[in-house]
Amino acid sequence: MAVRDIVVHPRESDLVIATHGRGIWIVDDITTLRKLTPEVMAHEAVFLQAKPAQQRLPANGGWVEGSAVFTGPNPPTRR
């Protein structure tokens, strides 16, 4: 989907993305992403302190993914 606008909310530090398909995505509080400086990215691994996050997908009593989800059998375990 093509993105029409990207804005960082000045007070909340939320990333707001609007698509051409009339969709909108809001990533709450990207403060932690702003800590990714070139110096931090030069390390192989880094732990950054962040607030707990939630993802909410309203399902209206049904399955969130609808029929677009594929679930296959688990491979057998080796003993």
N, C-alpha and C. Protein backbone atom coordinates (compact mmCIF):
# COMPACT_ATOMS: atom_id res chain seq x y z
N MET A 1 0.84 -1.17 0.00
CA MET A 1 0.00 0.00 0.00
C MET A 1 0.89 1.23 0.00
N ALA A 2 0.58 2.15 -0.84
CA ALA A 2 1.33 3.40 -0.90
C ALA A 2 1.01 4.26 0.32
N VAL A 3 2.03 4.90 0.84
CA VAL A 3 1.86 5.77 2.00
C VAL A 3 1.70 7.20 1.51
N ARG A 4 0.69 7.88 2.03
CA ARG A 4 0.40 9.25 1.60
C ARG A 4 1.11 10.26 2.50
N ASP A 5 1.04 10.08 3.81
CA ASP A 5 1.63 11.02 4.75
C ASP A 5 2.24 10.28 5.93
N ILE A 6 3.33 10.82 6.44
CA ILE A 6 3.96 10.32 7.67
C ILE A 6 4.22 11.54 8.55
N VAL A 7 3.76 11.47 9.79
CA VAL A 7 3.91 12.58 10.73
C VAL A 7 4.28 12.03 12.09
N VAL A 8 5.17 12.72 12.79
CA VAL A 8 5.44 12.40 14.19
C VAL A 8 4.70 13.45 15.02
N HIS A 9 3.77 12.97 15.87
CA HIS A 9 3.00 13.89 16.70
C HIS A 9 3.94 14.58 17.67
N PRO A 10 3.97 15.90 17.69
CA PRO A 10 4.96 16.62 18.50
C PRO A 10 4.82 16.41 20.01
N ARG A 11 3.61 16.27 20.51
CA ARG A 11 3.42 16.12 21.95
C ARG A 11 3.55 14.67 22.41
N GLU A 12 2.93 13.74 21.67
CA GLU A 12 2.87 12.33 22.07
C GLU A 12 4.04 11.51 21.54
N SER A 13 4.76 12.03 20.58
CA SER A 13 5.85 11.30 19.91
C SER A 13 5.34 10.01 19.27
N ASP A 14 4.11 10.04 18.76
CA ASP A 14 3.53 8.91 18.04
C ASP A 14 3.83 9.06 16.55
N LEU A 15 4.11 7.95 15.89
CA LEU A 15 4.31 7.95 14.45
C LEU A 15 2.95 7.67 13.81
N VAL A 16 2.48 8.58 12.97
CA VAL A 16 1.18 8.44 12.31
C VAL A 16 1.42 8.29 10.82
N ILE A 17 0.90 7.20 10.25
CA ILE A 17 1.09 6.89 8.84
C ILE A 17 -0.28 6.77 8.17
N ALA A 18 -0.50 7.55 7.11
CA ALA A 18 -1.75 7.49 6.35
C ALA A 18 -1.46 6.89 4.99
N THR A 19 -2.32 5.96 4.56
CA THR A 19 -2.12 5.29 3.28
C THR A 19 -3.09 5.82 2.24
N HIS A 20 -2.80 5.52 0.98
CA HIS A 20 -3.70 5.91 -0.11
C HIS A 20 -5.00 5.11 -0.03
N GLY A 21 -4.98 3.98 0.64
CA GLY A 21 -6.18 3.15 0.77
C GLY A 21 -7.08 3.57 1.91
N ARG A 22 -6.91 4.80 2.39
CA ARG A 22 -7.69 5.38 3.48
C ARG A 22 -7.43 4.69 4.82
N GLY A 23 -6.32 4.01 4.93
CA GLY A 23 -5.95 3.39 6.19
C GLY A 23 -5.07 4.32 7.00
N ILE A 24 -5.02 4.05 8.29
CA ILE A 24 -4.16 4.84 9.17
C ILE A 24 -3.54 3.90 10.19
N TRP A 25 -2.25 4.07 10.40
CA TRP A 25 -1.50 3.31 11.39
C TRP A 25 -0.90 4.31 12.37
N ILE A 26 -1.00 4.00 13.66
CA ILE A 26 -0.39 4.84 14.68
C ILE A 26 0.52 3.96 15.51
N VAL A 27 1.80 4.31 15.53
CA VAL A 27 2.78 3.61 16.36
C VAL A 27 3.00 4.50 17.59
N ASP A 28 2.52 4.03 18.74
CA ASP A 28 2.60 4.84 19.95
C ASP A 28 4.03 5.04 20.41
N ASP A 29 4.35 6.25 20.74
CA ASP A 29 5.58 6.65 21.41
C ASP A 29 6.83 6.01 20.82
N ILE A 30 7.37 6.64 19.79
CA ILE A 30 8.57 6.12 19.13
C ILE A 30 9.86 6.65 19.78
N THR A 31 9.76 7.07 21.03
CA THR A 31 10.93 7.59 21.74
C THR A 31 12.10 6.61 21.67
N THR A 32 11.82 5.33 21.85
CA THR A 32 12.89 4.32 21.81
C THR A 32 13.53 4.27 20.43
N LEU A 33 12.75 4.36 19.36
CA LEU A 33 13.32 4.35 18.01
C LEU A 33 14.23 5.55 17.78
N ARG A 34 13.93 6.65 18.40
CA ARG A 34 14.75 7.84 18.24
C ARG A 34 16.12 7.69 18.92
N LYS A 35 16.26 6.69 19.77
CA LYS A 35 17.54 6.42 20.43
C LYS A 35 18.49 5.63 19.53
N LEU A 36 18.03 5.22 18.36
CA LEU A 36 18.86 4.44 17.45
C LEU A 36 19.78 5.37 16.66
N THR A 37 20.83 5.80 17.30
CA THR A 37 21.83 6.66 16.67
C THR A 37 22.82 5.80 15.88
N PRO A 38 23.63 6.39 15.02
CA PRO A 38 24.65 5.61 14.32
C PRO A 38 25.60 4.88 15.28
N GLU A 39 25.90 5.49 16.42
CA GLU A 39 26.77 4.84 17.40
C GLU A 39 26.11 3.59 17.97
N VAL A 40 24.83 3.69 18.29
CA VAL A 40 24.09 2.53 18.82
C VAL A 40 24.00 1.44 17.76
N MET A 41 23.71 1.82 16.52
CA MET A 41 23.56 0.85 15.45
C MET A 41 24.88 0.16 15.08
N ALA A 42 26.00 0.72 15.48
CA ALA A 42 27.30 0.11 15.20
C ALA A 42 27.54 -1.13 16.06
N HIS A 43 26.79 -1.28 17.15
CA HIS A 43 26.96 -2.46 18.02
C HIS A 43 26.22 -3.66 17.43
N GLU A 44 26.70 -4.85 17.75
CA GLU A 44 26.05 -6.06 17.27
C GLU A 44 24.70 -6.26 17.94
N ALA A 45 24.61 -5.94 19.23
CA ALA A 45 23.36 -6.06 19.99
C ALA A 45 23.30 -4.96 21.04
N VAL A 46 22.11 -4.42 21.24
CA VAL A 46 21.91 -3.34 22.21
C VAL A 46 20.54 -3.52 22.85
N PHE A 47 20.45 -3.26 24.15
CA PHE A 47 19.17 -3.25 24.84
C PHE A 47 18.79 -1.79 25.09
N LEU A 48 17.60 -1.41 24.62
CA LEU A 48 17.11 -0.06 24.85
C LEU A 48 15.89 -0.14 25.76
N GLN A 49 15.82 0.76 26.72
CA GLN A 49 14.69 0.77 27.64
C GLN A 49 13.46 1.29 26.91
N ALA A 50 12.33 0.61 27.07
CA ALA A 50 11.09 1.01 26.40
C ALA A 50 9.91 0.73 27.31
N LYS A 51 8.82 1.41 27.03
CA LYS A 51 7.57 1.17 27.75
C LYS A 51 6.92 -0.10 27.18
N PRO A 52 6.12 -0.81 27.99
CA PRO A 52 5.37 -1.96 27.45
C PRO A 52 4.44 -1.51 26.32
N ALA A 53 4.26 -2.38 25.34
CA ALA A 53 3.43 -2.03 24.18
C ALA A 53 2.28 -3.01 24.03
N GLN A 54 1.21 -2.55 23.40
CA GLN A 54 0.04 -3.38 23.10
C GLN A 54 -0.32 -3.20 21.64
N GLN A 55 -0.78 -4.27 21.03
CA GLN A 55 -1.33 -4.16 19.68
C GLN A 55 -2.79 -4.56 19.78
N ARG A 56 -3.67 -3.72 19.29
CA ARG A 56 -5.10 -3.99 19.35
C ARG A 56 -5.64 -4.15 17.94
N LEU A 57 -6.27 -5.29 17.71
CA LEU A 57 -6.89 -5.56 16.42
C LEU A 57 -8.34 -5.96 16.68
N PRO A 58 -9.29 -5.07 16.45
CA PRO A 58 -10.69 -5.41 16.72
C PRO A 58 -11.17 -6.51 15.79
N ALA A 59 -11.80 -7.53 16.36
CA ALA A 59 -12.26 -8.66 15.57
C ALA A 59 -13.78 -8.71 15.46
N ASN A 60 -14.46 -7.86 16.22
CA ASN A 60 -15.92 -7.83 16.19
C ASN A 60 -16.53 -9.21 16.38
N GLY A 61 -15.96 -9.97 17.29
CA GLY A 61 -16.49 -11.29 17.60
C GLY A 61 -16.03 -12.40 16.69
N GLY A 62 -15.23 -12.10 15.67
CA GLY A 62 -14.77 -13.13 14.75
C GLY A 62 -13.25 -13.24 14.79
N TRP A 63 -12.70 -13.85 13.79
CA TRP A 63 -11.26 -13.99 13.68
C TRP A 63 -10.69 -12.72 13.09
N VAL A 64 -9.62 -12.21 13.68
CA VAL A 64 -9.01 -10.96 13.22
C VAL A 64 -8.53 -11.09 11.79
N GLU A 65 -7.90 -12.20 11.46
CA GLU A 65 -7.27 -12.36 10.15
C GLU A 65 -8.25 -12.76 9.06
N GLY A 66 -9.45 -13.17 9.40
CA GLY A 66 -10.40 -13.63 8.41
C GLY A 66 -9.91 -14.90 7.73
N SER A 67 -10.14 -15.04 6.45
CA SER A 67 -9.73 -16.24 5.72
C SER A 67 -8.34 -16.07 5.10
N ALA A 68 -7.64 -14.99 5.43
CA ALA A 68 -6.34 -14.72 4.83
C ALA A 68 -5.20 -15.45 5.54
N VAL A 69 -5.50 -16.22 6.57
CA VAL A 69 -4.46 -16.89 7.35
C VAL A 69 -4.31 -18.33 6.89
N PHE A 70 -3.07 -18.74 6.75
CA PHE A 70 -2.79 -20.14 6.44
C PHE A 70 -2.10 -20.77 7.63
N THR A 71 -2.59 -21.88 8.07
CA THR A 71 -1.96 -22.62 9.17
C THR A 71 -1.65 -24.02 8.65
N GLY A 72 -0.39 -24.41 8.73
CA GLY A 72 0.02 -25.72 8.26
C GLY A 72 0.35 -26.62 9.44
N PRO A 73 0.52 -27.91 9.19
CA PRO A 73 0.85 -28.83 10.26
C PRO A 73 2.27 -28.58 10.77
N ASN A 74 2.48 -28.85 12.05
CA ASN A 74 3.81 -28.75 12.62
C ASN A 74 4.66 -29.92 12.14
N PRO A 75 5.94 -29.67 11.86
CA PRO A 75 6.78 -30.80 11.44
C PRO A 75 6.98 -31.76 12.61
N PRO A 76 7.20 -33.04 12.32
CA PRO A 76 7.43 -33.99 13.40
C PRO A 76 8.70 -33.65 14.18
N THR A 77 8.67 -33.92 15.47
CA THR A 77 9.86 -33.67 16.28
C THR A 77 10.80 -34.84 16.21
N ARG A 78 12.08 -34.58 16.26
CA ARG A 78 13.08 -35.65 16.22
C ARG A 78 13.36 -36.10 17.64
N ARG A 79 13.56 -37.36 17.80
CA ARG A 79 13.88 -37.90 19.13
C ARG A 79 15.25 -38.47 19.16
